Each structure stands twice: as structure tokens, then as C-alpha cells.
Amino acid sequence: MKKVEAFIKSARLHDVIERLHEIDGLTGTSVFPVRGFGRSRNNIGPVHIADSTIESVPHVKIEIFCVDNLLDTVKTAIIESAHSGLRADGKVYVSHVDEAIRISNGESGDSAV
């Protein structure tokens, strides 16, 4: 099993979700509003945590848990539909999941995803 975390521009969310809905066997996604900065941040001086003027950019985080054979399809769907050709389109991270357990019936493994 894999966990896919994608940080994308909010304006691209609709297109990404539409593409993910087309994937047979994908059981769901979670979407979270997030704020942060990346390589495009303004390097005008040191950042102080106590400073409430720290600038960050709104993005969306999408979390997906999927079986291994869907991974390439999920990544491609996100990358192609989130791409705008401009800087700061986002990032996709993939990590391994050791176990999944469905709370409602105790089912575990790939079938619990």
C-alpha cells in the first residue's frame, strides 16, 4: 500500500479531483487547506516566528491511500491535472504504508483500503 500526498494550487483542485474520480479501484481522497512556502519565498531577511507578518501561500493538500498497482495511475493523474506550466505548481510525495485496518469490520491489508 502507498500513501500519496500532493500539495497543489487551490485553483487546480477541481481538475485533479475529476481525474482521480476516473480511476477504477481508487477508494477515496482527503483534501485539506494548507498554507506554506516553497522555493519561491521572498528572501528579504530573517523570518521571526513571533512575527505575524510571515507571508505564506494558500495551497491544498490531497491525501490518498491506494494499493501498489494504482500508484502510477494516481501520480500521473495528479501531475497532469495539477500542471499549469507556471512555477509553484506543487509537489507529490509517496510513502509506503505498512498496514491498514477498516474499523467497521476489522478487515486489514489491501482490502481495507
Protein backbone atom coordinates (compact mmCIF):
# COMPACT_ATOMS: atom_id res chain seq x y z
CA MET A 1 0.00 0.00 0.00
CA LYS A 2 1.08 3.56 -0.63
CA LYS A 3 0.25 6.99 0.74
CA VAL A 4 0.28 9.81 -1.79
CA GLU A 5 0.43 13.38 -0.51
CA ALA A 6 0.07 16.13 -3.08
CA PHE A 7 0.39 19.85 -2.46
CA ILE A 8 -1.23 21.75 -5.32
CA LYS A 9 -2.60 25.17 -6.20
CA SER A 10 -6.17 25.62 -4.99
CA ALA A 11 -7.28 26.64 -8.47
CA ARG A 12 -6.29 23.19 -9.83
CA LEU A 13 -8.23 21.15 -7.23
CA HIS A 14 -11.37 20.66 -9.35
CA ASP A 15 -9.36 19.27 -12.29
CA VAL A 16 -7.33 16.95 -10.04
CA ILE A 17 -10.42 15.57 -8.27
CA GLU A 18 -12.17 14.98 -11.60
CA ARG A 19 -9.19 12.94 -12.84
CA LEU A 20 -8.97 10.97 -9.59
CA HIS A 21 -12.70 10.10 -9.84
CA GLU A 22 -11.97 8.39 -13.17
CA ILE A 23 -9.57 5.86 -11.60
CA ASP A 24 -11.26 2.48 -11.13
CA GLY A 25 -10.40 0.96 -7.77
CA LEU A 26 -9.44 4.22 -6.06
CA THR A 27 -11.46 4.23 -2.85
CA GLY A 28 -11.24 7.89 -1.86
CA THR A 29 -9.25 11.02 -1.16
CA SER A 30 -8.97 13.57 1.63
CA VAL A 31 -8.50 17.27 0.93
CA PHE A 32 -7.09 19.82 3.37
CA PRO A 33 -6.50 23.57 3.04
CA VAL A 34 -2.87 24.36 3.87
CA ARG A 35 -0.56 27.38 3.90
CA GLY A 36 3.18 27.42 3.48
CA PHE A 37 6.09 28.49 1.37
CA GLY A 38 8.50 26.83 -1.01
CA ARG A 39 11.45 27.82 -3.12
CA SER A 40 9.58 30.89 -4.36
CA ARG A 41 9.56 32.54 -0.93
CA ASN A 42 10.78 36.09 -0.59
CA ASN A 43 14.35 36.11 0.77
CA ILE A 44 14.44 39.68 2.07
CA GLY A 45 15.67 38.82 5.55
CA PRO A 46 15.36 36.52 8.53
CA VAL A 47 11.94 35.18 9.48
CA HIS A 48 10.85 35.53 13.10
CA ILE A 49 8.24 33.05 14.30
CA ALA A 50 6.71 35.66 16.62
CA ASP A 51 6.23 37.95 13.63
CA SER A 52 2.63 37.75 12.47
CA THR A 53 3.58 39.19 9.07
CA ILE A 54 5.15 35.98 7.81
CA GLU A 55 3.83 35.51 4.31
CA SER A 56 2.62 32.13 3.16
CA VAL A 57 0.74 30.92 0.13
CA PRO A 58 -2.58 29.03 0.29
CA HIS A 59 -2.48 25.57 -1.27
CA VAL A 60 -4.44 22.35 -1.00
CA LYS A 61 -3.11 19.06 0.35
CA ILE A 62 -4.59 15.87 -1.07
CA GLU A 63 -4.04 12.56 0.75
CA ILE A 64 -4.67 9.26 -0.95
CA PHE A 65 -4.10 5.73 0.26
CA CYS A 66 -4.02 3.20 -2.55
CA VAL A 67 -2.89 -0.29 -3.46
CA ASP A 68 0.51 -0.52 -5.13
CA ASN A 69 -0.81 -1.25 -8.63
CA LEU A 70 -2.73 2.08 -8.70
CA LEU A 71 0.24 4.22 -7.70
CA ASP A 72 1.47 5.18 -11.17
CA THR A 73 -2.06 5.97 -12.34
CA VAL A 74 -2.70 8.18 -9.29
CA LYS A 75 0.61 10.03 -9.65
CA THR A 76 0.07 10.63 -13.36
CA ALA A 77 -3.49 11.89 -12.79
CA ILE A 78 -2.32 14.39 -10.17
CA ILE A 79 0.75 15.59 -12.05
CA GLU A 80 -1.01 16.06 -15.39
CA SER A 81 -4.11 17.76 -13.98
CA ALA A 82 -2.28 19.99 -11.46
CA HIS A 83 0.27 21.21 -14.01
CA SER A 84 -0.27 24.80 -15.12
CA GLY A 85 3.13 25.41 -16.65
CA LEU A 86 3.87 28.06 -14.06
CA ARG A 87 6.21 27.98 -11.10
CA ALA A 88 4.93 26.56 -7.81
CA ASP A 89 2.52 24.01 -9.29
CA GLY A 90 3.19 21.84 -6.25
CA LYS A 91 4.74 18.57 -5.16
CA VAL A 92 3.77 14.92 -4.88
CA TYR A 93 5.20 12.70 -2.14
CA VAL A 94 4.84 8.92 -1.95
CA SER A 95 5.46 6.77 1.10
CA HIS A 96 4.95 3.14 2.00
CA VAL A 97 2.09 2.13 4.32
CA ASP A 98 2.71 -0.93 6.47
CA GLU A 99 -0.87 -1.64 7.44
CA ALA A 100 -4.46 -0.51 7.01
CA ILE A 101 -7.38 -1.65 9.17
CA ARG A 102 -11.04 -0.97 8.43
CA ILE A 103 -12.60 -0.02 11.77
CA SER A 104 -16.14 -1.11 10.87
CA ASN A 105 -15.31 -4.79 10.36
CA GLY A 106 -11.67 -5.33 11.32
CA GLU A 107 -10.64 -6.09 7.74
CA SER A 108 -6.93 -5.43 7.12
CA GLY A 109 -4.44 -5.25 4.28
CA ASP A 110 -5.17 -4.10 0.73
CA SER A 111 -8.87 -4.87 1.05
CA ALA A 112 -9.12 -2.35 3.93
CA VAL A 113 -8.01 0.48 1.65
